[in-house]
Protein backbone atom coordinates (compact mmCIF):
# COMPACT_ATOMS: atom_id res chain seq x y z
CA MET A 1 9.64 -56.63 2.10
CA ASP A 2 8.44 -54.92 -0.93
CA PRO A 3 11.12 -53.13 -3.33
CA ALA A 4 7.83 -50.95 -3.77
CA THR A 5 6.58 -50.61 -0.35
CA ASP A 6 10.54 -49.67 0.70
CA LEU A 7 10.02 -46.55 -1.70
CA LEU A 8 7.15 -44.94 0.89
CA ALA A 9 8.27 -46.32 3.65
CA VAL A 10 8.42 -43.43 6.51
CA PRO A 11 12.52 -41.10 5.86
CA PRO A 12 14.97 -41.82 8.65
CA ALA A 13 14.86 -38.91 11.19
CA THR A 14 18.18 -37.58 9.40
CA HIS A 15 15.65 -35.86 7.11
CA VAL A 16 14.59 -33.02 9.85
CA LEU A 17 18.26 -32.14 9.81
CA TYR A 18 19.65 -32.27 6.27
CA ILE A 19 16.23 -31.45 3.90
CA PRO A 20 16.24 -27.42 6.06
CA PHE A 21 19.82 -27.59 5.86
CA VAL A 22 20.92 -27.33 2.47
CA LEU A 23 17.60 -25.19 0.97
CA LEU A 24 19.50 -22.85 3.58
CA VAL A 25 22.69 -23.34 1.27
CA GLY A 26 20.76 -23.02 -1.82
CA LEU A 27 18.62 -19.73 -0.50
CA ILE A 28 22.09 -18.55 0.55
CA ILE A 29 23.30 -19.00 -2.91
CA GLY A 30 20.73 -17.74 -4.93
CA PHE A 31 20.75 -14.29 -2.70
CA ILE A 32 24.69 -14.04 -3.32
CA LEU A 33 24.50 -14.93 -6.81
CA GLY A 34 21.56 -12.75 -7.48
CA ARG A 35 23.04 -9.82 -4.88
CA LYS A 36 26.30 -10.02 -7.66
CA ALA A 37 23.90 -9.93 -10.77
CA GLY A 38 21.96 -6.81 -9.75
CA ILE A 39 24.87 -4.71 -8.68
CA LYS A 40 26.85 -5.92 -12.28
CA GLU A 41 23.40 -4.54 -13.59
CA GLY A 42 23.24 -2.38 -11.74
CA LYS A 43 26.14 -0.59 -12.64
CA ALA A 44 25.70 -1.02 -16.19
CA GLN A 45 22.66 1.00 -16.09
CA PHE A 46 24.18 3.85 -14.50
CA LEU A 47 26.82 3.38 -16.66
CA GLY A 48 24.07 3.97 -19.50
CA ALA A 49 24.92 0.19 -21.19
CA GLY A 50 21.15 -1.08 -21.82
CA PRO A 51 20.42 -4.81 -22.77
CA ASP A 52 21.29 -4.64 -26.31
CA ASP A 53 25.19 -2.62 -25.47
CA GLU A 54 27.73 -5.99 -25.34
CA GLU A 55 29.76 -5.97 -22.64
CA ASP A 56 33.48 -7.36 -23.10
């Protein structure tokens, strides 16, 4: 077979398993990181820190 047509061949059946798994892991990690950032931003606003205030 031509290497160019191999690229367009039908993907293996494992794609059905690991693509949704990778997406789910990314969703969970994004949710956790976003939640932490939201909590940190909420605390900064509650304490009166604005976007121009520097925090150490």
